[in-house]
N, C-alpha and C. Protein backbone atom coordinates (compact mmCIF):
# COMPACT_ATOMS: atom_id res chain seq x y z
N MET A 1 46.61 81.21 21.80
CA MET A 1 46.18 80.74 23.11
C MET A 1 44.75 81.22 23.33
N PRO A 2 43.84 80.32 23.67
CA PRO A 2 42.45 80.70 23.89
C PRO A 2 42.30 81.67 25.05
N GLN A 3 41.25 82.47 24.98
CA GLN A 3 40.91 83.39 26.06
C GLN A 3 39.47 83.13 26.48
N VAL A 4 39.23 83.25 27.77
CA VAL A 4 37.91 83.02 28.34
C VAL A 4 37.55 84.23 29.17
N THR A 5 36.29 84.63 29.12
CA THR A 5 35.82 85.71 29.96
C THR A 5 35.11 85.11 31.17
N VAL A 6 35.56 85.51 32.36
CA VAL A 6 34.91 85.07 33.59
C VAL A 6 34.36 86.31 34.30
N ALA A 7 33.23 86.14 34.95
CA ALA A 7 32.62 87.25 35.70
C ALA A 7 32.77 86.97 37.18
N ILE A 8 33.37 87.91 37.89
CA ILE A 8 33.55 87.81 39.33
C ILE A 8 32.92 89.05 39.95
N ASN A 9 31.90 88.83 40.76
CA ASN A 9 31.21 89.92 41.46
C ASN A 9 30.75 91.02 40.49
N GLY A 10 30.25 90.59 39.32
CA GLY A 10 29.71 91.54 38.36
C GLY A 10 30.73 92.17 37.43
N ARG A 11 32.00 91.84 37.58
CA ARG A 11 33.03 92.38 36.69
C ARG A 11 33.56 91.28 35.79
N SER A 12 33.84 91.61 34.55
CA SER A 12 34.35 90.63 33.60
C SER A 12 35.86 90.71 33.52
N TYR A 13 36.48 89.53 33.44
CA TYR A 13 37.93 89.41 33.33
C TYR A 13 38.23 88.47 32.17
N ILE A 14 39.15 88.87 31.30
CA ILE A 14 39.57 88.01 30.20
C ILE A 14 40.81 87.26 30.67
N ILE A 15 40.73 85.92 30.61
CA ILE A 15 41.79 85.05 31.12
C ILE A 15 42.29 84.16 29.99
N ALA A 16 43.59 84.13 29.79
CA ALA A 16 44.19 83.23 28.81
C ALA A 16 44.33 81.84 29.43
N CYS A 17 44.17 80.81 28.61
CA CYS A 17 44.29 79.44 29.11
C CYS A 17 44.81 78.54 28.00
N GLU A 18 45.14 77.34 28.36
CA GLU A 18 45.60 76.36 27.39
C GLU A 18 44.41 75.86 26.55
N PRO A 19 44.66 75.44 25.33
CA PRO A 19 43.58 74.88 24.51
C PRO A 19 42.92 73.69 25.23
N GLY A 20 41.60 73.69 25.22
CA GLY A 20 40.86 72.62 25.87
C GLY A 20 40.54 72.89 27.33
N GLU A 21 41.11 73.95 27.92
CA GLU A 21 40.90 74.29 29.33
C GLU A 21 39.77 75.30 29.53
N GLU A 22 39.15 75.74 28.46
CA GLU A 22 38.17 76.82 28.54
C GLU A 22 37.03 76.52 29.51
N ASP A 23 36.42 75.36 29.41
CA ASP A 23 35.30 75.03 30.29
C ASP A 23 35.74 74.96 31.75
N ARG A 24 36.92 74.42 31.97
CA ARG A 24 37.44 74.32 33.35
C ARG A 24 37.67 75.72 33.93
N VAL A 25 38.23 76.62 33.15
CA VAL A 25 38.46 77.99 33.63
C VAL A 25 37.13 78.67 33.95
N ARG A 26 36.14 78.47 33.09
CA ARG A 26 34.81 79.05 33.36
C ARG A 26 34.23 78.49 34.67
N GLN A 27 34.38 77.18 34.86
CA GLN A 27 33.89 76.54 36.09
C GLN A 27 34.61 77.10 37.32
N LEU A 28 35.90 77.25 37.24
CA LEU A 28 36.66 77.83 38.36
C LEU A 28 36.23 79.27 38.61
N GLY A 29 35.99 80.01 37.55
CA GLY A 29 35.51 81.38 37.70
C GLY A 29 34.18 81.44 38.43
N ARG A 30 33.27 80.52 38.09
CA ARG A 30 31.98 80.47 38.78
C ARG A 30 32.16 80.14 40.26
N SER A 31 33.10 79.27 40.57
CA SER A 31 33.37 78.91 41.96
C SER A 31 33.90 80.12 42.74
N ILE A 32 34.82 80.84 42.15
CA ILE A 32 35.36 82.04 42.80
C ILE A 32 34.26 83.08 42.96
N ASP A 33 33.46 83.27 41.92
CA ASP A 33 32.37 84.23 41.98
C ASP A 33 31.41 83.90 43.12
N ALA A 34 31.09 82.64 43.29
CA ALA A 34 30.18 82.24 44.37
C ALA A 34 30.75 82.62 45.74
N LYS A 35 32.05 82.41 45.92
CA LYS A 35 32.69 82.77 47.20
C LYS A 35 32.64 84.28 47.40
N VAL A 36 33.03 85.04 46.37
CA VAL A 36 33.07 86.50 46.49
C VAL A 36 31.67 87.05 46.74
N VAL A 37 30.69 86.57 46.02
CA VAL A 37 29.31 87.05 46.20
C VAL A 37 28.83 86.73 47.61
N GLY A 38 29.19 85.55 48.12
CA GLY A 38 28.81 85.19 49.50
C GLY A 38 29.43 86.14 50.51
N PHE A 39 30.71 86.46 50.34
CA PHE A 39 31.35 87.41 51.25
C PHE A 39 30.74 88.80 51.10
N ALA A 40 30.42 89.19 49.87
CA ALA A 40 29.85 90.52 49.63
C ALA A 40 28.50 90.67 50.32
N LYS A 41 27.73 89.59 50.40
CA LYS A 41 26.44 89.64 51.11
C LYS A 41 26.65 89.84 52.60
N ASP A 42 27.70 89.19 53.15
CA ASP A 42 27.99 89.31 54.58
C ASP A 42 28.65 90.64 54.94
N ALA A 43 29.38 91.20 54.00
CA ALA A 43 30.08 92.46 54.25
C ALA A 43 29.92 93.35 53.02
N PRO A 44 28.75 93.98 52.86
CA PRO A 44 28.47 94.73 51.64
C PRO A 44 29.38 95.94 51.41
N HIS A 45 30.07 96.40 52.43
CA HIS A 45 30.93 97.58 52.26
C HIS A 45 32.39 97.22 52.06
N ALA A 46 32.70 95.93 52.02
CA ALA A 46 34.09 95.53 51.79
C ALA A 46 34.47 95.83 50.35
N GLY A 47 35.70 96.23 50.16
CA GLY A 47 36.18 96.52 48.81
C GLY A 47 36.39 95.25 48.01
N GLU A 48 36.46 95.44 46.70
CA GLU A 48 36.61 94.29 45.81
C GLU A 48 37.90 93.53 46.08
N ALA A 49 38.98 94.24 46.31
CA ALA A 49 40.26 93.56 46.58
C ALA A 49 40.16 92.70 47.83
N ARG A 50 39.53 93.22 48.85
CA ARG A 50 39.38 92.46 50.10
C ARG A 50 38.52 91.21 49.86
N LEU A 51 37.46 91.35 49.10
CA LEU A 51 36.60 90.21 48.79
C LEU A 51 37.37 89.14 48.03
N LEU A 52 38.18 89.56 47.06
CA LEU A 52 38.97 88.60 46.29
C LEU A 52 40.01 87.91 47.16
N VAL A 53 40.63 88.65 48.07
CA VAL A 53 41.61 88.05 48.98
C VAL A 53 40.92 87.04 49.89
N MET A 54 39.77 87.37 50.42
CA MET A 54 39.05 86.46 51.30
C MET A 54 38.65 85.19 50.54
N ALA A 55 38.19 85.34 49.31
CA ALA A 55 37.82 84.17 48.50
C ALA A 55 39.06 83.31 48.23
N ALA A 56 40.17 83.94 47.91
CA ALA A 56 41.40 83.19 47.65
C ALA A 56 41.86 82.45 48.89
N LEU A 57 41.78 83.10 50.05
CA LEU A 57 42.17 82.44 51.30
C LEU A 57 41.26 81.26 51.60
N LEU A 58 39.98 81.44 51.41
CA LEU A 58 39.04 80.36 51.67
C LEU A 58 39.29 79.18 50.74
N LEU A 59 39.50 79.45 49.46
CA LEU A 59 39.77 78.38 48.51
C LEU A 59 41.11 77.69 48.81
N ALA A 60 42.11 78.46 49.21
CA ALA A 60 43.40 77.86 49.59
C ALA A 60 43.23 76.98 50.82
N ASP A 61 42.39 77.42 51.76
CA ASP A 61 42.14 76.63 52.96
C ASP A 61 41.42 75.33 52.60
N GLU A 62 40.44 75.40 51.73
CA GLU A 62 39.72 74.20 51.29
C GLU A 62 40.69 73.22 50.62
N LEU A 63 41.58 73.74 49.79
CA LEU A 63 42.57 72.90 49.12
C LEU A 63 43.50 72.25 50.15
N SER A 64 43.93 73.01 51.12
CA SER A 64 44.80 72.48 52.16
C SER A 64 44.12 71.36 52.94
N GLU A 65 42.85 71.58 53.29
CA GLU A 65 42.07 70.56 54.01
C GLU A 65 41.93 69.30 53.16
N ALA A 66 41.66 69.47 51.88
CA ALA A 66 41.52 68.31 50.99
C ALA A 66 42.83 67.54 50.89
N ARG A 67 43.93 68.25 50.79
CA ARG A 67 45.24 67.59 50.72
C ARG A 67 45.52 66.82 52.01
N GLU A 68 45.20 67.43 53.13
CA GLU A 68 45.42 66.77 54.42
C GLU A 68 44.54 65.53 54.54
N THR A 69 43.31 65.61 54.12
CA THR A 69 42.42 64.44 54.15
C THR A 69 42.96 63.34 53.26
N LEU A 70 43.44 63.69 52.09
CA LEU A 70 44.01 62.72 51.18
C LEU A 70 45.27 62.10 51.78
N ARG A 71 46.10 62.90 52.40
CA ARG A 71 47.32 62.39 53.04
C ARG A 71 46.96 61.40 54.14
N ARG A 72 45.97 61.74 54.95
CA ARG A 72 45.55 60.83 56.02
C ARG A 72 45.00 59.53 55.45
N ALA A 73 44.26 59.63 54.35
CA ALA A 73 43.67 58.44 53.74
C ALA A 73 44.75 57.52 53.19
N ARG A 74 45.84 58.08 52.75
CA ARG A 74 46.92 57.28 52.18
C ARG A 74 47.86 56.72 53.23
N THR A 75 47.80 57.24 54.46
CA THR A 75 48.68 56.79 55.53
C THR A 75 48.02 55.65 56.28
N PRO A 76 48.66 54.46 56.31
CA PRO A 76 48.06 53.35 57.05
C PRO A 76 48.04 53.65 58.54
N SER A 77 47.01 53.14 59.19
CA SER A 77 46.90 53.35 60.63
C SER A 77 46.39 52.06 61.27
N ASN A 78 46.49 52.02 62.57
CA ASN A 78 46.00 50.88 63.33
C ASN A 78 44.61 51.15 63.88
N GLY A 79 44.00 52.23 63.41
CA GLY A 79 42.69 52.64 63.91
C GLY A 79 41.57 51.97 63.17
N PRO A 80 40.44 52.66 63.06
CA PRO A 80 39.26 52.10 62.40
C PRO A 80 39.53 51.84 60.92
N PRO A 81 38.67 51.08 60.26
CA PRO A 81 38.86 50.84 58.83
C PRO A 81 38.99 52.14 58.06
N ALA A 82 39.65 52.08 56.93
CA ALA A 82 39.95 53.29 56.15
C ALA A 82 38.72 54.10 55.82
N ALA A 83 37.63 53.47 55.43
CA ALA A 83 36.42 54.21 55.04
C ALA A 83 35.88 55.01 56.22
N ALA A 84 35.82 54.41 57.39
CA ALA A 84 35.32 55.11 58.58
C ALA A 84 36.28 56.23 58.96
N ALA A 85 37.57 55.97 58.87
CA ALA A 85 38.56 57.01 59.20
C ALA A 85 38.46 58.16 58.23
N ASP A 86 38.26 57.86 56.93
CA ASP A 86 38.12 58.90 55.92
C ASP A 86 36.90 59.77 56.21
N GLU A 87 35.79 59.14 56.53
CA GLU A 87 34.56 59.88 56.82
C GLU A 87 34.75 60.76 58.04
N GLU A 88 35.41 60.23 59.06
CA GLU A 88 35.65 61.02 60.28
C GLU A 88 36.57 62.20 59.99
N ALA A 89 37.64 61.97 59.23
CA ALA A 89 38.56 63.04 58.87
C ALA A 89 37.86 64.10 58.04
N LEU A 90 37.02 63.67 57.12
CA LEU A 90 36.28 64.61 56.29
C LEU A 90 35.31 65.44 57.12
N ALA A 91 34.60 64.78 58.03
CA ALA A 91 33.66 65.50 58.90
C ALA A 91 34.40 66.50 59.78
N ASP A 92 35.55 66.11 60.32
CA ASP A 92 36.34 67.03 61.13
C ASP A 92 36.81 68.23 60.31
N GLY A 93 37.24 67.95 59.08
CA GLY A 93 37.69 69.03 58.20
C GLY A 93 36.57 69.99 57.87
N ILE A 94 35.39 69.47 57.62
CA ILE A 94 34.24 70.32 57.31
C ILE A 94 33.89 71.18 58.52
N GLU A 95 33.93 70.60 59.71
CA GLU A 95 33.63 71.38 60.92
C GLU A 95 34.65 72.50 61.11
N ARG A 96 35.94 72.18 60.93
CA ARG A 96 36.98 73.22 61.07
C ARG A 96 36.80 74.31 60.03
N LEU A 97 36.48 73.93 58.81
CA LEU A 97 36.26 74.90 57.73
C LEU A 97 35.07 75.79 58.04
N ALA A 98 33.98 75.20 58.53
CA ALA A 98 32.80 75.99 58.88
C ALA A 98 33.13 77.01 59.96
N LEU A 99 33.90 76.60 60.95
CA LEU A 99 34.30 77.54 62.02
C LEU A 99 35.15 78.67 61.45
N ARG A 100 36.05 78.34 60.55
CA ARG A 100 36.89 79.39 59.94
C ARG A 100 36.05 80.36 59.13
N ILE A 101 35.09 79.83 58.38
CA ILE A 101 34.22 80.70 57.59
C ILE A 101 33.45 81.64 58.50
N GLU A 102 32.91 81.10 59.59
CA GLU A 102 32.17 81.94 60.53
C GLU A 102 33.07 83.00 61.14
N THR A 103 34.31 82.64 61.45
CA THR A 103 35.25 83.60 62.01
C THR A 103 35.57 84.70 61.01
N VAL A 104 35.82 84.32 59.77
CA VAL A 104 36.13 85.31 58.73
C VAL A 104 34.93 86.24 58.53
N ALA A 105 33.74 85.68 58.47
CA ALA A 105 32.54 86.50 58.28
C ALA A 105 32.38 87.48 59.44
N ALA A 106 32.63 87.00 60.65
CA ALA A 106 32.50 87.88 61.83
C ALA A 106 33.54 89.00 61.77
N ARG A 107 34.74 88.68 61.36
CA ARG A 107 35.80 89.70 61.25
C ARG A 107 35.44 90.74 60.20
N LEU A 108 34.95 90.26 59.06
CA LEU A 108 34.54 91.19 58.01
C LEU A 108 33.42 92.11 58.50
N GLU A 109 32.47 91.51 59.18
CA GLU A 109 31.34 92.29 59.70
C GLU A 109 31.83 93.30 60.72
N ALA A 110 32.75 92.91 61.58
CA ALA A 110 33.27 93.81 62.62
C ALA A 110 34.05 94.98 62.01
N THR A 111 34.77 94.73 60.91
CA THR A 111 35.53 95.82 60.28
C THR A 111 34.62 96.82 59.58
N GLN A 112 33.40 96.42 59.30
CA GLN A 112 32.48 97.30 58.60
C GLN A 112 31.68 98.17 59.57
N LEU A 113 31.76 97.89 60.86
CA LEU A 113 31.00 98.67 61.83
C LEU A 113 31.63 99.97 62.17
């Protein structure tokens, strides 16, 4: 089974994956690293475990929003055309996500004071 090394917040982790999945695992690692590094900048005194939990929660929230948007797009409605409804749902999801990110950042900052 192939192994890939991913770097998260300056630490290396060896991850096993299926053959052919190596590039995807590296890409996912870079995505997680970007989230953790972003949180670390906002809360430099937060521990590594807390940063990883926050990144995992944020990514899970993004996945949930994407699933909900997809579900709405697949559900017929009597409202505006599908493309306009999709754009509106996506914009609403992005706004809610931005508010959550700001709330999480504020909480992290408050716990560090």
